[in-house]
Amino acid sequence: MQIEILAYIVTFIITAGLAVIGISISYQLYQGNKKVIFQILLYQQIFLFSFFIYGIWGNMVIRQLIADFNLNAELNGKLALFIPMIGIPFLVVSWFMLVKFGFNLKGFRIPKGFIYSFFPLLIFVPFIVTFLIHKGKISTPADPDLFIIQILLLLNLIVQALFFAPLLKSDKKGNERDFYIHKKYLALYLLGIVIYSASLNFFHIFGYISTCISILLLFGVNILVPLFFQIEMKSNPTMEEEKNIDFSTFCNLYEISKREAEIILEICTGKTNKAISEKLFITLQTVKDHTHRIYTKTGVKSRVQLANLVREKTGG
């Protein structure tokens, strides 16, 4: 029993360290390049590991506390299904960020229809299944933990396929990319997904040993994407060199809307917010709101930095 507890403690420490590493590398990539794409990757890592910490370790602690109440088997099974579901929104946001990262990496935009259907589908479907089980419309699975894991693994494989889909296509025409993931790294990442997906289906076969190994694999594989970018940049510094692009491509790169693009052009000519509002026939507050969103998207903090960024990127 003491060895089992020690194994879980060591596994928790290692996985917490892996989570910190993944988030730290993503933060360094964003701070070093000030790219929206790395901001997306940072959010993906934060939400993913937030779910992992709650969904795995938080779930274990809560289940252990519940065990002290000596609840009947049926109620235990329903709680085993419901508790992990509370953290599902964190996982779904991380999945969306991963897909968005893959699309942006190749210069594509996610269709609005996909966005509107993605969140309702991946958030509400698991809750509906859990609700039906709770109401007795669906019989409680013999192994609730494995049932939940298999559902999440299936959804994860679908999301990973969506992430890989744009990476297998050519770059969007006229859109030169400064960053990429080498195919050998994509292959390693895919192999990692296959391995942890297989191991999680047998997480309970050899008791705590297989459980700890499965958890380590899950955490380890999910820091590979930011890690691969860091390796590529260190081995190929030219990835960080900027190429001149036209203003339209600049707007696509930073996901700038048509109205925001008009405001950027006016800012670059030195106009004040009041002058911009009068020229574009919009309120002063609207100009300020758009400007704030522009700063957030481009990672700048002032009009001067924005103008310098536009000149640096477009060469104009």
C-alpha atoms as a PDB file:
ATOM      1  CA  MET A   1       0.000   0.000   0.000  1.00  0.00           C
ATOM      2  CA  GLN A   2       2.814   2.420   0.846  1.00  0.00           C
ATOM      3  CA  ILE A   3       4.547   1.657  -2.465  1.00  0.00           C
ATOM      4  CA  GLU A   4       1.319   2.403  -4.333  1.00  0.00           C
ATOM      5  CA  ILE A   5       0.896   5.749  -2.548  1.00  0.00           C
ATOM      6  CA  LEU A   6       4.552   6.603  -3.233  1.00  0.00           C
ATOM      7  CA  ALA A   7       4.098   5.730  -6.917  1.00  0.00           C
ATOM      8  CA  TYR A   8       1.118   8.080  -7.191  1.00  0.00           C
ATOM      9  CA  ILE A   9       2.986  10.868  -5.392  1.00  0.00           C
ATOM     10  CA  VAL A  10       5.993  10.533  -7.706  1.00  0.00           C
ATOM     11  CA  THR A  11       3.701  10.416 -10.750  1.00  0.00           C
ATOM     12  CA  PHE A  12       1.871  13.538  -9.584  1.00  0.00           C
ATOM     13  CA  ILE A  13       5.136  15.434  -9.105  1.00  0.00           C
ATOM     14  CA  ILE A  14       6.414  14.414 -12.559  1.00  0.00           C
ATOM     15  CA  THR A  15       3.138  15.235 -14.332  1.00  0.00           C
ATOM     16  CA  ALA A  16       2.902  18.591 -12.560  1.00  0.00           C
ATOM     17  CA  GLY A  17       6.443  19.288 -13.767  1.00  0.00           C
ATOM     18  CA  LEU A  18       5.507  18.297 -17.325  1.00  0.00           C
ATOM     19  CA  ALA A  19       2.508  20.621 -17.220  1.00  0.00           C
ATOM     20  CA  VAL A  20       4.709  23.493 -16.063  1.00  0.00           C
ATOM     21  CA  ILE A  21       7.251  22.707 -18.812  1.00  0.00           C
ATOM     22  CA  GLY A  22       4.583  22.679 -21.545  1.00  0.00           C
ATOM     23  CA  ILE A  23       3.071  25.968 -20.405  1.00  0.00           C
ATOM     24  CA  SER A  24       6.491  27.582 -19.855  1.00  0.00           C
ATOM     25  CA  ILE A  25       7.784  26.647 -23.312  1.00  0.00           C
ATOM     26  CA  SER A  26       4.586  27.977 -24.911  1.00  0.00           C
ATOM     27  CA  TYR A  27       4.928  31.209 -22.913  1.00  0.00           C
ATOM     28  CA  GLN A  28       8.573  31.586 -23.994  1.00  0.00           C
ATOM     29  CA  LEU A  29       7.587  31.053 -27.643  1.00  0.00           C
ATOM     30  CA  TYR A  30       4.926  33.734 -27.360  1.00  0.00           C
ATOM     31  CA  GLN A  31       7.131  36.203 -25.503  1.00  0.00           C
ATOM     32  CA  GLY A  32      10.001  35.632 -27.920  1.00  0.00           C
ATOM     33  CA  ASN A  33       7.939  36.078 -31.094  1.00  0.00           C
ATOM     34  CA  LYS A  34       4.798  37.992 -30.078  1.00  0.00           C
ATOM     35  CA  LYS A  35       2.744  35.947 -32.518  1.00  0.00           C
ATOM     36  CA  VAL A  36      -0.956  35.280 -32.141  1.00  0.00           C
ATOM     37  CA  ILE A  37      -0.306  31.691 -33.162  1.00  0.00           C
ATOM     38  CA  PHE A  38       1.878  31.117 -30.095  1.00  0.00           C
ATOM     39  CA  GLN A  39      -0.681  32.839 -27.894  1.00  0.00           C
ATOM     40  CA  ILE A  40      -3.168  30.226 -29.123  1.00  0.00           C
ATOM     41  CA  LEU A  41      -0.693  27.452 -28.294  1.00  0.00           C
ATOM     42  CA  LEU A  42      -0.180  28.923 -24.814  1.00  0.00           C
ATOM     43  CA  TYR A  43      -3.925  28.934 -24.129  1.00  0.00           C
ATOM     44  CA  GLN A  44      -4.177  25.383 -25.452  1.00  0.00           C
ATOM     45  CA  GLN A  45      -1.561  24.172 -22.995  1.00  0.00           C
ATOM     46  CA  ILE A  46      -3.101  26.050 -20.055  1.00  0.00           C
ATOM     47  CA  PHE A  47      -6.620  24.710 -20.624  1.00  0.00           C
ATOM     48  CA  LEU A  48      -5.423  21.198 -21.431  1.00  0.00           C
ATOM     49  CA  PHE A  49      -3.343  20.767 -18.302  1.00  0.00           C
ATOM     50  CA  SER A  50      -6.011  22.471 -16.193  1.00  0.00           C
ATOM     51  CA  PHE A  51      -8.359  19.689 -17.265  1.00  0.00           C
ATOM     52  CA  PHE A  52      -5.720  17.000 -16.730  1.00  0.00           C
ATOM     53  CA  ILE A  53      -4.961  18.178 -13.208  1.00  0.00           C
ATOM     54  CA  TYR A  54      -8.644  18.318 -12.302  1.00  0.00           C
ATOM     55  CA  GLY A  55      -9.861  15.387 -14.414  1.00  0.00           C
ATOM     56  CA  ILE A  56      -7.162  12.987 -13.237  1.00  0.00           C
ATOM     57  CA  TRP A  57      -5.759  14.052  -9.879  1.00  0.00           C
ATOM     58  CA  GLY A  58      -8.761  16.039  -8.690  1.00  0.00           C
ATOM     59  CA  ASN A  59     -11.026  13.159  -9.655  1.00  0.00           C
ATOM     60  CA  MET A  60      -8.877  10.692  -7.698  1.00  0.00           C
ATOM     61  CA  VAL A  61      -8.960  12.845  -4.569  1.00  0.00           C
ATOM     62  CA  ILE A  62     -12.718  13.448  -4.769  1.00  0.00           C
ATOM     63  CA  ARG A  63     -13.394   9.761  -5.387  1.00  0.00           C
ATOM     64  CA  GLN A  64     -11.279   8.845  -2.370  1.00  0.00           C
ATOM     65  CA  LEU A  65     -13.244  11.260  -0.186  1.00  0.00           C
ATOM     66  CA  ILE A  66     -16.544   9.900  -1.485  1.00  0.00           C
ATOM     67  CA  ALA A  67     -15.419   6.336  -0.713  1.00  0.00           C
ATOM     68  CA  ASP A  68     -15.467   7.207   2.995  1.00  0.00           C
ATOM     69  CA  PHE A  69     -19.270   7.681   2.835  1.00  0.00           C
ATOM     70  CA  ASN A  70     -19.833   4.008   1.885  1.00  0.00           C
ATOM     71  CA  LEU A  71     -22.278   4.810  -0.907  1.00  0.00           C
ATOM     72  CA  ASN A  72     -23.987   2.013  -2.835  1.00  0.00           C
ATOM     73  CA  ALA A  73     -22.423   0.729  -6.051  1.00  0.00           C
ATOM     74  CA  GLU A  74     -25.013   2.348  -8.355  1.00  0.00           C
ATOM     75  CA  LEU A  75     -24.546   5.827  -6.867  1.00  0.00           C
ATOM     76  CA  ASN A  76     -20.777   5.407  -6.946  1.00  0.00           C
ATOM     77  CA  GLY A  77     -20.999   4.555 -10.635  1.00  0.00           C
ATOM     78  CA  LYS A  78     -23.087   7.638 -11.406  1.00  0.00           C
ATOM     79  CA  LEU A  79     -20.712   9.896  -9.468  1.00  0.00           C
ATOM     80  CA  ALA A  80     -17.759   8.346 -11.300  1.00  0.00           C
ATOM     81  CA  LEU A  81     -19.394   9.474 -14.553  1.00  0.00           C
ATOM     82  CA  PHE A  82     -20.472  12.922 -13.370  1.00  0.00           C
ATOM     83  CA  ILE A  83     -17.347  14.190 -11.552  1.00  0.00           C
ATOM     84  CA  PRO A  84     -14.982  14.212 -14.604  1.00  0.00           C
ATOM     85  CA  MET A  85     -17.672  15.916 -16.712  1.00  0.00           C
ATOM     86  CA  ILE A  86     -17.393  19.136 -14.692  1.00  0.00           C
ATOM     87  CA  GLY A  87     -13.988  19.751 -16.248  1.00  0.00           C
ATOM     88  CA  ILE A  88     -15.115  19.028 -19.825  1.00  0.00           C
ATOM     89  CA  PRO A  89     -15.361  22.742 -20.841  1.00  0.00           C
ATOM     90  CA  PHE A  90     -11.617  23.144 -20.124  1.00  0.00           C
ATOM     91  CA  LEU A  91     -10.838  20.169 -22.357  1.00  0.00           C
ATOM     92  CA  VAL A  92     -13.111  21.363 -25.164  1.00  0.00           C
ATOM     93  CA  VAL A  93     -11.515  24.836 -25.183  1.00  0.00           C
ATOM     94  CA  SER A  94      -8.054  23.242 -25.352  1.00  0.00           C
ATOM     95  CA  TRP A  95      -9.190  21.041 -28.246  1.00  0.00           C
ATOM     96  CA  PHE A  96     -10.528  24.068 -30.101  1.00  0.00           C
ATOM     97  CA  MET A  97      -7.270  25.951 -29.546  1.00  0.00           C
ATOM     98  CA  LEU A  98      -5.314  22.986 -30.932  1.00  0.00           C
ATOM     99  CA  VAL A  99      -7.437  22.877 -34.089  1.00  0.00           C
ATOM    100  CA  LYS A 100      -7.199  26.670 -34.448  1.00  0.00           C
ATOM    101  CA  PHE A 101      -3.426  26.439 -34.014  1.00  0.00           C
ATOM    102  CA  GLY A 102      -3.178  23.857 -36.815  1.00  0.00           C
ATOM    103  CA  PHE A 103      -5.282  25.959 -39.186  1.00  0.00           C
ATOM    104  CA  ASN A 104      -3.413  29.196 -38.415  1.00  0.00           C
ATOM    105  CA  LEU A 105      -0.080  27.471 -38.807  1.00  0.00           C
ATOM    106  CA  LYS A 106      -0.900  26.852 -42.460  1.00  0.00           C
ATOM    107  CA  GLY A 107      -2.624  30.205 -43.049  1.00  0.00           C
ATOM    108  CA  PHE A 108      -6.219  28.938 -43.010  1.00  0.00           C
ATOM    109  CA  ARG A 109      -9.162  30.309 -41.066  1.00  0.00           C
ATOM    110  CA  ILE A 110     -11.649  28.064 -39.282  1.00  0.00           C
ATOM    111  CA  PRO A 111     -15.140  28.329 -40.859  1.00  0.00           C
ATOM    112  CA  LYS A 112     -17.698  30.022 -38.606  1.00  0.00           C
ATOM    113  CA  GLY A 113     -20.070  27.084 -39.015  1.00  0.00           C
ATOM    114  CA  PHE A 114     -17.441  24.810 -37.515  1.00  0.00           C
ATOM    115  CA  ILE A 115     -17.018  27.105 -34.501  1.00  0.00           C
ATOM    116  CA  TYR A 116     -20.771  27.273 -33.864  1.00  0.00           C
ATOM    117  CA  SER A 117     -21.134  23.485 -33.954  1.00  0.00           C
ATOM    118  CA  PHE A 118     -17.855  22.494 -32.260  1.00  0.00           C
ATOM    119  CA  PHE A 119     -18.588  23.741 -28.740  1.00  0.00           C
ATOM    120  CA  PRO A 120     -22.225  22.623 -28.444  1.00  0.00           C
ATOM    121  CA  LEU A 121     -21.375  19.188 -29.805  1.00  0.00           C
ATOM    122  CA  LEU A 122     -18.344  18.443 -27.637  1.00  0.00           C
ATOM    123  CA  ILE A 123     -19.692  20.064 -24.464  1.00  0.00           C
ATOM    124  CA  PHE A 124     -23.339  19.044 -24.458  1.00  0.00           C
ATOM    125  CA  VAL A 125     -23.125  15.515 -25.873  1.00  0.00           C
ATOM    126  CA  PRO A 126     -21.063  14.116 -22.937  1.00  0.00           C
ATOM    127  CA  PHE A 127     -23.361  15.894 -20.467  1.00  0.00           C
ATOM    128  CA  ILE A 128     -26.456  14.520 -22.201  1.00  0.00           C
ATOM    129  CA  VAL A 129     -25.037  10.982 -22.054  1.00  0.00           C
ATOM    130  CA  THR A 130     -24.235  11.436 -18.366  1.00  0.00           C
ATOM    131  CA  PHE A 131     -27.709  12.856 -17.690  1.00  0.00           C
ATOM    132  CA  LEU A 132     -29.405   9.903 -19.421  1.00  0.00           C
ATOM    133  CA  ILE A 133     -27.325   7.477 -17.367  1.00  0.00           C
ATOM    134  CA  HIS A 134     -28.204   9.380 -14.194  1.00  0.00           C
ATOM    135  CA  LYS A 135     -31.928   9.175 -15.060  1.00  0.00           C
ATOM    136  CA  GLY A 136     -31.660   5.473 -15.803  1.00  0.00           C
ATOM    137  CA  LYS A 137     -32.382   5.870 -19.522  1.00  0.00           C
ATOM    138  CA  ILE A 138     -28.987   4.289 -20.195  1.00  0.00           C
ATOM    139  CA  SER A 139     -27.682   1.557 -17.913  1.00  0.00           C
ATOM    140  CA  THR A 140     -24.611   2.437 -15.831  1.00  0.00           C
ATOM    141  CA  PRO A 141     -21.491   0.890 -17.421  1.00  0.00           C
ATOM    142  CA  ALA A 142     -19.774  -1.906 -15.506  1.00  0.00           C
ATOM    143  CA  ASP A 143     -16.572   0.163 -15.473  1.00  0.00           C
ATOM    144  CA  PRO A 144     -17.565   3.880 -15.454  1.00  0.00           C
ATOM    145  CA  ASP A 145     -13.939   5.093 -15.459  1.00  0.00           C
ATOM    146  CA  LEU A 146     -13.050   3.135 -18.589  1.00  0.00           C
ATOM    147  CA  PHE A 147     -16.309   4.215 -20.235  1.00  0.00           C
ATOM    148  CA  ILE A 148     -15.506   7.907 -19.718  1.00  0.00           C
ATOM    149  CA  ILE A 149     -11.903   7.430 -20.866  1.00  0.00           C
ATOM    150  CA  GLN A 150     -12.988   5.676 -24.072  1.00  0.00           C
ATOM    151  CA  ILE A 151     -15.472   8.444 -24.920  1.00  0.00           C
ATOM    152  CA  LEU A 152     -12.851  11.145 -24.361  1.00  0.00           C
ATOM    153  CA  LEU A 153     -10.254   9.177 -26.342  1.00  0.00           C
ATOM    154  CA  LEU A 154     -12.646   8.852 -29.275  1.00  0.00           C
ATOM    155  CA  LEU A 155     -13.389  12.590 -29.234  1.00  0.00           C
ATOM    156  CA  ASN A 156      -9.669  13.313 -28.866  1.00  0.00           C
ATOM    157  CA  LEU A 157      -8.840  11.237 -31.948  1.00  0.00           C
ATOM    158  CA  ILE A 158     -11.422  13.212 -33.938  1.00  0.00           C
ATOM    159  CA  VAL A 159      -9.916  16.500 -32.726  1.00  0.00           C
ATOM    160  CA  GLN A 160      -6.378  15.328 -33.524  1.00  0.00           C
ATOM    161  CA  ALA A 161      -7.520  14.430 -37.043  1.00  0.00           C
ATOM    162  CA  LEU A 162      -8.878  17.976 -37.410  1.00  0.00           C
ATOM    163  CA  PHE A 163      -5.540  19.318 -36.164  1.00  0.00           C
ATOM    164  CA  PHE A 164      -3.571  17.259 -38.705  1.00  0.00           C
ATOM    165  CA  ALA A 165      -5.930  17.973 -41.636  1.00  0.00           C
ATOM    166  CA  PRO A 166      -4.613  21.468 -42.531  1.00  0.00           C
ATOM    167  CA  LEU A 167      -1.007  20.446 -41.792  1.00  0.00           C
ATOM    168  CA  LEU A 168      -1.182  17.889 -44.591  1.00  0.00           C
ATOM    169  CA  LYS A 169      -2.224  20.553 -47.112  1.00  0.00           C
ATOM    170  CA  SER A 170      -0.098  23.101 -48.919  1.00  0.00           C
ATOM    171  CA  ASP A 171       0.087  26.610 -47.477  1.00  0.00           C
ATOM    172  CA  LYS A 172      -2.707  28.954 -48.411  1.00  0.00           C
ATOM    173  CA  LYS A 173      -1.820  30.594 -51.718  1.00  0.00           C
ATOM    174  CA  GLY A 174       0.201  33.751 -51.293  1.00  0.00           C
ATOM    175  CA  ASN A 175       0.687  33.189 -47.588  1.00  0.00           C
ATOM    176  CA  GLU A 176       4.296  32.513 -46.634  1.00  0.00           C
ATOM    177  CA  ARG A 177       4.614  30.951 -43.214  1.00  0.00           C
ATOM    178  CA  ASP A 178       7.429  31.802 -40.833  1.00  0.00           C
ATOM    179  CA  PHE A 179       6.850  28.800 -38.575  1.00  0.00           C
ATOM    180  CA  TYR A 180       6.237  25.125 -39.186  1.00  0.00           C
ATOM    181  CA  ILE A 181       6.534  21.685 -37.624  1.00  0.00           C
ATOM    182  CA  HIS A 182       8.822  19.241 -39.391  1.00  0.00           C
ATOM    183  CA  LYS A 183       7.086  16.094 -40.646  1.00  0.00           C
ATOM    184  CA  LYS A 184       9.300  13.866 -38.509  1.00  0.00           C
ATOM    185  CA  TYR A 185       8.029  15.673 -35.403  1.00  0.00           C
ATOM    186  CA  LEU A 186       4.437  15.315 -36.552  1.00  0.00           C
ATOM    187  CA  ALA A 187       5.053  11.588 -36.991  1.00  0.00           C
ATOM    188  CA  LEU A 188       6.458  11.332 -33.447  1.00  0.00           C
ATOM    189  CA  TYR A 189       3.497  13.255 -32.064  1.00  0.00           C
ATOM    190  CA  LEU A 190       1.067  10.971 -33.908  1.00  0.00           C
ATOM    191  CA  LEU A 191       2.901   7.909 -32.589  1.00  0.00           C
ATOM    192  CA  GLY A 192       2.638   9.330 -29.065  1.00  0.00           C
ATOM    193  CA  ILE A 193      -1.124   9.780 -29.471  1.00  0.00           C
ATOM    194  CA  VAL A 194      -1.511   6.176 -30.596  1.00  0.00           C
ATOM    195  CA  ILE A 195       0.585   4.887 -27.668  1.00  0.00           C
ATOM    196  CA  TYR A 196      -1.205   6.797 -24.899  1.00  0.00           C
ATOM    197  CA  SER A 197      -4.615   6.032 -26.462  1.00  0.00           C
ATOM    198  CA  ALA A 198      -3.787   2.315 -26.367  1.00  0.00           C
ATOM    199  CA  SER A 199      -2.325   2.446 -22.859  1.00  0.00           C
ATOM    200  CA  LEU A 200      -5.344   4.286 -21.400  1.00  0.00           C
ATOM    201  CA  ASN A 201      -7.597   1.440 -22.553  1.00  0.00           C
ATOM    202  CA  PHE A 202      -5.639  -0.867 -20.245  1.00  0.00           C
ATOM    203  CA  PHE A 203      -4.880   1.606 -17.446  1.00  0.00           C
ATOM    204  CA  HIS A 204      -6.324  -0.692 -14.760  1.00  0.00           C
ATOM    205  CA  ILE A 205      -5.015  -4.075 -15.971  1.00  0.00           C
ATOM    206  CA  PHE A 206      -1.834  -4.057 -13.876  1.00  0.00           C
ATOM    207  CA  GLY A 207      -3.155  -1.898 -11.066  1.00  0.00           C
ATOM    208  CA  TYR A 208      -1.408   1.314 -10.063  1.00  0.00           C
ATOM    209  CA  ILE A 209       1.677   0.548 -12.229  1.00  0.00           C
ATOM    210  CA  SER A 210      -0.201   0.691 -15.536  1.00  0.00           C
ATOM    211  CA  THR A 211      -2.255   3.642 -14.258  1.00  0.00           C
ATOM    212  CA  CYS A 212       0.839   5.692 -13.447  1.00  0.00           C
ATOM    213  CA  ILE A 213       2.502   4.814 -16.774  1.00  0.00           C
ATOM    214  CA  SER A 214      -0.643   5.809 -18.715  1.00  0.00           C
ATOM    215  CA  ILE A 215      -0.854   9.151 -16.904  1.00  0.00           C
ATOM    216  CA  LEU A 216       2.834   9.895 -17.545  1.00  0.00           C
ATOM    217  CA  LEU A 217       2.419   9.109 -21.247  1.00  0.00           C
ATOM    218  CA  LEU A 218      -0.647  11.347 -21.490  1.00  0.00           C
ATOM    219  CA  PHE A 219       1.106  14.346 -19.941  1.00  0.00           C
ATOM    220  CA  GLY A 220       4.380  13.714 -21.763  1.00  0.00           C
ATOM    221  CA  VAL A 221       2.948  13.489 -25.279  1.00  0.00           C
ATOM    222  CA  ASN A 222       0.933  16.686 -24.884  1.00  0.00           C
ATOM    223  CA  ILE A 223       3.990  18.898 -24.361  1.00  0.00           C
ATOM    224  CA  LEU A 224       5.547  17.687 -27.619  1.00  0.00           C
ATOM    225  CA  VAL A 225       4.084  20.348 -29.928  1.00  0.00           C
ATOM    226  CA  PRO A 226       5.580  23.377 -28.102  1.00  0.00           C
ATOM    227  CA  LEU A 227       8.747  21.369 -27.442  1.00  0.00           C
ATOM    228  CA  PHE A 228       9.178  20.603 -31.151  1.00  0.00           C
ATOM    229  CA  PHE A 229       8.806  24.288 -32.009  1.00  0.00           C
ATOM    230  CA  GLN A 230      11.466  25.199 -29.486  1.00  0.00           C
ATOM    231  CA  ILE A 231      13.829  22.563 -30.930  1.00  0.00           C
ATOM    232  CA  GLU A 232      13.193  23.740 -34.503  1.00  0.00           C
ATOM    233  CA  MET A 233      13.897  27.355 -33.628  1.00  0.00           C
ATOM    234  CA  LYS A 234      17.140  26.552 -31.863  1.00  0.00           C
ATOM    235  CA  SER A 235      18.363  24.352 -34.718  1.00  0.00           C
ATOM    236  CA  ASN A 236      17.065  26.647 -37.465  1.00  0.00           C
ATOM    237  CA  PRO A 237      17.278  30.327 -36.429  1.00  0.00           C
ATOM    238  CA  THR A 238      16.111  31.426 -39.879  1.00  0.00           C
ATOM    239  CA  MET A 239      12.587  30.402 -38.845  1.00  0.00           C
ATOM    240  CA  GLU A 240      12.465  33.595 -36.831  1.00  0.00           C
ATOM    241  CA  GLU A 241      13.512  35.824 -39.738  1.00  0.00           C
ATOM    242  CA  GLU A 242      10.603  37.809 -41.088  1.00  0.00           C
ATOM    243  CA  LYS A 243       9.668  38.121 -44.737  1.00  0.00           C
ATOM    244  CA  ASN A 244       7.887  41.134 -46.234  1.00  0.00           C
ATOM    245  CA  ILE A 245       4.205  40.460 -46.777  1.00  0.00           C
ATOM    246  CA  ASP A 246       1.380  42.563 -48.144  1.00  0.00           C
ATOM    247  CA  PHE A 247      -1.098  44.247 -45.826  1.00  0.00           C
ATOM    248  CA  SER A 248      -3.877  41.773 -46.657  1.00  0.00           C
ATOM    249  CA  THR A 249      -1.666  38.872 -45.599  1.00  0.00           C
ATOM    250  CA  PHE A 250      -0.708  40.804 -42.468  1.00  0.00           C
ATOM    251  CA  CYS A 251      -4.397  41.049 -41.574  1.00  0.00           C
ATOM    252  CA  ASN A 252      -4.940  37.333 -42.213  1.00  0.00           C
ATOM    253  CA  LEU A 253      -1.900  36.478 -40.116  1.00  0.00           C
ATOM    254  CA  TYR A 254      -3.204  38.392 -37.091  1.00  0.00           C
ATOM    255  CA  GLU A 255      -6.908  37.726 -37.779  1.00  0.00           C
ATOM    256  CA  ILE A 256      -7.637  41.415 -38.265  1.00  0.00           C
ATOM    257  CA  SER A 257     -11.198  42.257 -39.330  1.00  0.00           C
ATOM    258  CA  LYS A 258     -12.031  44.634 -42.200  1.00  0.00           C
ATOM    259  CA  ARG A 259     -12.925  47.496 -39.839  1.00  0.00           C
ATOM    260  CA  GLU A 260      -9.812  46.893 -37.716  1.00  0.00           C
ATOM    261  CA  ALA A 261      -7.708  46.979 -40.885  1.00  0.00           C
ATOM    262  CA  GLU A 262      -9.131  50.409 -41.757  1.00  0.00           C
ATOM    263  CA  ILE A 263      -8.278  51.684 -38.284  1.00  0.00           C
ATOM    264  CA  ILE A 264      -4.727  50.293 -38.499  1.00  0.00           C
ATOM    265  CA  LEU A 265      -4.134  52.142 -41.752  1.00  0.00           C
ATOM    266  CA  GLU A 266      -5.351  55.379 -40.186  1.00  0.00           C
ATOM    267  CA  ILE A 267      -3.187  54.856 -37.111  1.00  0.00           C
ATOM    268  CA  CYS A 268      -0.172  54.327 -39.353  1.00  0.00           C
ATOM    269  CA  THR A 269      -0.815  57.724 -40.957  1.00  0.00           C
ATOM    270  CA  GLY A 270      -0.690  59.336 -37.510  1.00  0.00           C
ATOM    271  CA  LYS A 271      -4.377  60.193 -37.091  1.00  0.00           C
ATOM    272  CA  THR A 272      -5.821  60.553 -33.585  1.00  0.00           C
ATOM    273  CA  ASN A 273      -8.743  58.438 -32.361  1.00  0.00           C
ATOM    274  CA  LYS A 274     -11.077  61.414 -32.806  1.00  0.00           C
ATOM    275  CA  ALA A 275      -9.903  61.991 -36.385  1.00  0.00           C
ATOM    276  CA  ILE A 276     -10.361  58.289 -37.157  1.00  0.00           C
ATOM    277  CA  SER A 277     -13.887  58.267 -35.735  1.00  0.00           C
ATOM    278  CA  GLU A 278     -14.845  61.285 -37.855  1.00  0.00           C
ATOM    279  CA  LYS A 279     -13.376  59.834 -41.038  1.00  0.00           C
ATOM    280  CA  LEU A 280     -14.906  56.358 -40.611  1.00  0.00           C
ATOM    281  CA  PHE A 281     -18.223  57.697 -39.218  1.00  0.00           C
ATOM    282  CA  ILE A 282     -18.024  55.660 -36.009  1.00  0.00           C
ATOM    283  CA  THR A 283     -18.030  56.699 -32.362  1.00  0.00           C
ATOM    284  CA  LEU A 284     -14.856  57.496 -30.465  1.00  0.00           C
ATOM    285  CA  GLN A 285     -15.529  54.603 -28.070  1.00  0.00           C
ATOM    286  CA  THR A 286     -15.846  52.214 -31.023  1.00  0.00           C
ATOM    287  CA  VAL A 287     -12.416  53.302 -32.251  1.00  0.00           C
ATOM    288  CA  LYS A 288     -10.974  52.706 -28.782  1.00  0.00           C
ATOM    289  CA  ASP A 289     -12.577  49.254 -28.568  1.00  0.00           C
ATOM    290  CA  HIS A 290     -11.248  48.245 -31.983  1.00  0.00           C
ATOM    291  CA  THR A 291      -7.801  49.599 -31.110  1.00  0.00           C
ATOM    292  CA  HIS A 292      -7.728  47.550 -27.899  1.00  0.00           C
ATOM    293  CA  ARG A 293      -8.604  44.376 -29.840  1.00  0.00           C
ATOM    294  CA  ILE A 294      -5.927  45.188 -32.417  1.00  0.00           C
ATOM    295  CA  TYR A 295      -3.323  45.536 -29.656  1.00  0.00           C
ATOM    296  CA  THR A 296      -4.395  42.187 -28.189  1.00  0.00           C
ATOM    297  CA  LYS A 297      -4.221  40.381 -31.529  1.00  0.00           C
ATOM    298  CA  THR A 298      -0.861  41.823 -32.557  1.00  0.00           C
ATOM    299  CA  GLY A 299       0.757  41.729 -29.115  1.00  0.00           C
ATOM    300  CA  VAL A 300       1.659  45.441 -29.070  1.00  0.00           C
ATOM    301  CA  LYS A 301       0.997  48.041 -26.372  1.00  0.00           C
ATOM    302  CA  SER A 302       0.978  51.341 -28.213  1.00  0.00           C
ATOM    303  CA  ARG A 303       0.232  53.058 -31.523  1.00  0.00           C
ATOM    304  CA  VAL A 304       3.944  53.472 -32.192  1.00  0.00           C
ATOM    305  CA  GLN A 305       4.608  49.756 -31.672  1.00  0.00           C
ATOM    306  CA  LEU A 306       1.682  48.911 -33.962  1.00  0.00           C
ATOM    307  CA  ALA A 307       2.927  51.199 -36.727  1.00  0.00           C
ATOM    308  CA  ASN A 308       6.445  49.775 -36.392  1.00  0.00           C
ATOM    309  CA  LEU A 309       5.065  46.230 -36.569  1.00  0.00           C
ATOM    310  CA  VAL A 310       3.125  46.974 -39.764  1.00  0.00           C
ATOM    311  CA  ARG A 311       6.206  48.570 -41.364  1.00  0.00           C
ATOM    312  CA  GLU A 312       8.401  45.683 -40.239  1.00  0.00           C
ATOM    313  CA  LYS A 313       6.069  43.045 -41.648  1.00  0.00           C
ATOM    314  CA  THR A 314       5.064  44.751 -44.868  1.00  0.00           C
ATOM    315  CA  GLY A 315       8.316  46.525 -45.564  1.00  0.00           C
ATOM    316  CA  GLY A 316       6.378  49.753 -46.093  1.00  0.00           C
END
